[in-house]
Amino acid sequence: MPRLVHFEIPAQDPEGLAGFYRSTLGWSATPFAPLGEYMIIRANNSHEINGGIAHSSTLPSGKGLNIFEVEDIEAVADIAIGNGGKLVQPMHIVPTVGWRAYLADPQGNTFGIITHSA
């Protein structure tokens, strides 16, 4: 079965937005010059998907939605809001899966966080 192996987040300021994700989710981010204004994202866990933050002008139109598993959904939501993010949809139960919330980063990209302990 196919599986998600990479994600890309559009940004007007890729390096600045990488700082938000470093602080909120603990990711590492390094510039990747061959793609211009692009930051390679590593989740610091061999079991997680890695991706990138690209300048908005280099990505096709449309935005993707990524959902990230976290241990403490309320704590991560609070950190995101403290780092300039916004709560889009409060924490809610996903039957047989767990708790999920949707947030937006400081540049308006929506993402989800989930904990699998329903």
C-alpha atoms as a PDB file:
ATOM      1  CA  MET A   1       0.000   0.000   0.000  1.00  0.00           C
ATOM      2  CA  PRO A   2       1.335   3.501  -0.777  1.00  0.00           C
ATOM      3  CA  ARG A   3       2.418   5.605   2.186  1.00  0.00           C
ATOM      4  CA  LEU A   4       3.221   9.238   2.690  1.00  0.00           C
ATOM      5  CA  VAL A   5       6.982   9.716   2.456  1.00  0.00           C
ATOM      6  CA  HIS A   6       7.429  13.497   2.168  1.00  0.00           C
ATOM      7  CA  PHE A   7       5.573  16.730   2.729  1.00  0.00           C
ATOM      8  CA  GLU A   8       6.097  20.280   1.556  1.00  0.00           C
ATOM      9  CA  ILE A   9       4.837  23.400   3.270  1.00  0.00           C
ATOM     10  CA  PRO A  10       4.571  26.636   1.271  1.00  0.00           C
ATOM     11  CA  ALA A  11       5.984  29.797   2.888  1.00  0.00           C
ATOM     12  CA  GLN A  12       6.818  33.381   1.991  1.00  0.00           C
ATOM     13  CA  ASP A  13       9.765  33.076   4.406  1.00  0.00           C
ATOM     14  CA  PRO A  14      10.883  29.412   4.525  1.00  0.00           C
ATOM     15  CA  GLU A  15      13.659  29.970   7.045  1.00  0.00           C
ATOM     16  CA  GLY A  16      11.407  31.970   9.365  1.00  0.00           C
ATOM     17  CA  LEU A  17       8.659  29.380   9.212  1.00  0.00           C
ATOM     18  CA  ALA A  18      11.205  26.630   9.924  1.00  0.00           C
ATOM     19  CA  GLY A  19      11.827  28.380  13.263  1.00  0.00           C
ATOM     20  CA  PHE A  20       8.134  28.030  14.143  1.00  0.00           C
ATOM     21  CA  TYR A  21       8.198  24.275  13.493  1.00  0.00           C
ATOM     22  CA  ARG A  22      11.507  23.872  15.342  1.00  0.00           C
ATOM     23  CA  SER A  23       9.972  25.468  18.443  1.00  0.00           C
ATOM     24  CA  THR A  24       6.555  23.831  18.144  1.00  0.00           C
ATOM     25  CA  LEU A  25       7.369  20.253  17.062  1.00  0.00           C
ATOM     26  CA  GLY A  26      11.109  19.939  17.739  1.00  0.00           C
ATOM     27  CA  TRP A  27      12.092  19.491  14.084  1.00  0.00           C
ATOM     28  CA  SER A  28      15.503  20.230  12.652  1.00  0.00           C
ATOM     29  CA  ALA A  29      15.684  22.302   9.475  1.00  0.00           C
ATOM     30  CA  THR A  30      18.597  22.965   7.146  1.00  0.00           C
ATOM     31  CA  PRO A  31      18.781  24.976   3.918  1.00  0.00           C
ATOM     32  CA  PHE A  32      18.829  22.979   0.683  1.00  0.00           C
ATOM     33  CA  ALA A  33      20.392  25.333  -1.883  1.00  0.00           C
ATOM     34  CA  PRO A  34      19.684  23.249  -5.017  1.00  0.00           C
ATOM     35  CA  LEU A  35      15.985  24.115  -4.645  1.00  0.00           C
ATOM     36  CA  GLY A  36      16.481  27.807  -3.868  1.00  0.00           C
ATOM     37  CA  GLU A  37      14.638  29.064  -0.796  1.00  0.00           C
ATOM     38  CA  TYR A  38      14.020  25.593   0.606  1.00  0.00           C
ATOM     39  CA  MET A  39      14.482  24.069   4.038  1.00  0.00           C
ATOM     40  CA  ILE A  40      14.840  20.300   4.502  1.00  0.00           C
ATOM     41  CA  ILE A  41      12.845  19.180   7.538  1.00  0.00           C
ATOM     42  CA  ARG A  42      13.850  16.218   9.640  1.00  0.00           C
ATOM     43  CA  ALA A  43      11.513  15.006  12.362  1.00  0.00           C
ATOM     44  CA  ASN A  44      14.433  13.616  14.418  1.00  0.00           C
ATOM     45  CA  ASN A  45      12.835  10.184  14.522  1.00  0.00           C
ATOM     46  CA  SER A  46      13.567   7.408  12.039  1.00  0.00           C
ATOM     47  CA  HIS A  47       9.890   6.406  12.039  1.00  0.00           C
ATOM     48  CA  GLU A  48       8.564   9.790  10.960  1.00  0.00           C
ATOM     49  CA  ILE A  49       8.147  11.312   7.526  1.00  0.00           C
ATOM     50  CA  ASN A  50      10.535  14.080   6.543  1.00  0.00           C
ATOM     51  CA  GLY A  51       9.767  16.942   4.216  1.00  0.00           C
ATOM     52  CA  GLY A  52      10.501  20.514   3.323  1.00  0.00           C
ATOM     53  CA  ILE A  53       9.431  24.128   3.492  1.00  0.00           C
ATOM     54  CA  ALA A  54       9.521  25.765   0.084  1.00  0.00           C
ATOM     55  CA  HIS A  55       9.015  29.334  -1.060  1.00  0.00           C
ATOM     56  CA  SER A  56       5.346  29.664  -2.027  1.00  0.00           C
ATOM     57  CA  SER A  57       6.239  30.860  -5.517  1.00  0.00           C
ATOM     58  CA  THR A  58       7.934  27.536  -6.322  1.00  0.00           C
ATOM     59  CA  LEU A  59       5.024  25.251  -5.434  1.00  0.00           C
ATOM     60  CA  PRO A  60       1.935  24.494  -7.512  1.00  0.00           C
ATOM     61  CA  SER A  61      -1.238  26.207  -6.378  1.00  0.00           C
ATOM     62  CA  GLY A  62      -3.179  24.619  -3.561  1.00  0.00           C
ATOM     63  CA  LYS A  63      -2.206  23.623  -0.074  1.00  0.00           C
ATOM     64  CA  GLY A  64      -1.799  20.230   1.455  1.00  0.00           C
ATOM     65  CA  LEU A  65      -2.880  19.195   4.899  1.00  0.00           C
ATOM     66  CA  ASN A  66      -0.547  17.187   7.057  1.00  0.00           C
ATOM     67  CA  ILE A  67      -1.419  15.598  10.385  1.00  0.00           C
ATOM     68  CA  PHE A  68       1.252  14.934  12.981  1.00  0.00           C
ATOM     69  CA  GLU A  69       1.065  12.470  15.853  1.00  0.00           C
ATOM     70  CA  VAL A  70       1.976  14.023  19.212  1.00  0.00           C
ATOM     71  CA  GLU A  71       2.051  12.718  22.776  1.00  0.00           C
ATOM     72  CA  ASP A  72       0.268  15.648  24.420  1.00  0.00           C
ATOM     73  CA  ILE A  73      -2.159  17.339  22.059  1.00  0.00           C
ATOM     74  CA  GLU A  74      -3.105  20.147  24.462  1.00  0.00           C
ATOM     75  CA  ALA A  75       0.516  21.031  25.231  1.00  0.00           C
ATOM     76  CA  VAL A  76       1.480  21.144  21.549  1.00  0.00           C
ATOM     77  CA  ALA A  77      -1.561  23.273  20.694  1.00  0.00           C
ATOM     78  CA  ASP A  78      -0.601  25.704  23.475  1.00  0.00           C
ATOM     79  CA  ILE A  79       3.004  25.853  22.218  1.00  0.00           C
ATOM     80  CA  ALA A  80       1.847  26.470  18.640  1.00  0.00           C
ATOM     81  CA  ILE A  81      -0.430  29.309  19.737  1.00  0.00           C
ATOM     82  CA  GLY A  82       2.392  30.754  21.846  1.00  0.00           C
ATOM     83  CA  ASN A  83       4.638  30.669  18.767  1.00  0.00           C
ATOM     84  CA  GLY A  84       2.188  32.683  16.677  1.00  0.00           C
ATOM     85  CA  GLY A  85      -0.073  29.902  15.406  1.00  0.00           C
ATOM     86  CA  LYS A  86      -3.862  29.832  15.622  1.00  0.00           C
ATOM     87  CA  LEU A  87      -6.372  27.212  16.636  1.00  0.00           C
ATOM     88  CA  VAL A  88      -8.539  26.415  13.589  1.00  0.00           C
ATOM     89  CA  GLN A  89     -10.611  23.600  15.082  1.00  0.00           C
ATOM     90  CA  PRO A  90     -10.454  22.648  18.770  1.00  0.00           C
ATOM     91  CA  MET A  91      -9.523  19.219  20.018  1.00  0.00           C
ATOM     92  CA  HIS A  92     -12.188  16.675  19.143  1.00  0.00           C
ATOM     93  CA  ILE A  93     -12.512  12.909  19.192  1.00  0.00           C
ATOM     94  CA  VAL A  94     -12.043  10.874  16.045  1.00  0.00           C
ATOM     95  CA  PRO A  95     -13.917   7.655  16.808  1.00  0.00           C
ATOM     96  CA  THR A  96     -11.673   4.585  17.116  1.00  0.00           C
ATOM     97  CA  VAL A  97      -8.595   6.729  16.389  1.00  0.00           C
ATOM     98  CA  GLY A  98      -7.905   9.383  19.010  1.00  0.00           C
ATOM     99  CA  TRP A  99      -8.029  13.111  19.678  1.00  0.00           C
ATOM    100  CA  ARG A 100      -7.351  15.585  16.872  1.00  0.00           C
ATOM    101  CA  ALA A 101      -7.105  19.374  16.520  1.00  0.00           C
ATOM    102  CA  TYR A 102      -6.380  21.641  13.568  1.00  0.00           C
ATOM    103  CA  LEU A 103      -4.030  24.606  13.799  1.00  0.00           C
ATOM    104  CA  ALA A 104      -2.645  27.202  11.411  1.00  0.00           C
ATOM    105  CA  ASP A 105       0.993  28.260  11.439  1.00  0.00           C
ATOM    106  CA  PRO A 106       1.926  31.977  11.347  1.00  0.00           C
ATOM    107  CA  GLN A 107       1.771  32.010   7.533  1.00  0.00           C
ATOM    108  CA  GLY A 108      -1.694  30.444   7.321  1.00  0.00           C
ATOM    109  CA  ASN A 109      -0.831  26.809   6.551  1.00  0.00           C
ATOM    110  CA  THR A 110      -3.312  24.480   8.226  1.00  0.00           C
ATOM    111  CA  PHE A 111      -2.031  21.328   9.904  1.00  0.00           C
ATOM    112  CA  GLY A 112      -3.434  18.771  12.277  1.00  0.00           C
ATOM    113  CA  ILE A 113      -2.142  17.170  15.447  1.00  0.00           C
ATOM    114  CA  ILE A 114      -3.410  13.860  16.757  1.00  0.00           C
ATOM    115  CA  THR A 115      -2.864  11.533  19.653  1.00  0.00           C
ATOM    116  CA  HIS A 116      -3.883   7.905  19.282  1.00  0.00           C
ATOM    117  CA  SER A 117      -5.244   7.396  22.779  1.00  0.00           C
ATOM    118  CA  ALA A 118      -9.039   7.561  22.450  1.00  0.00           C
END
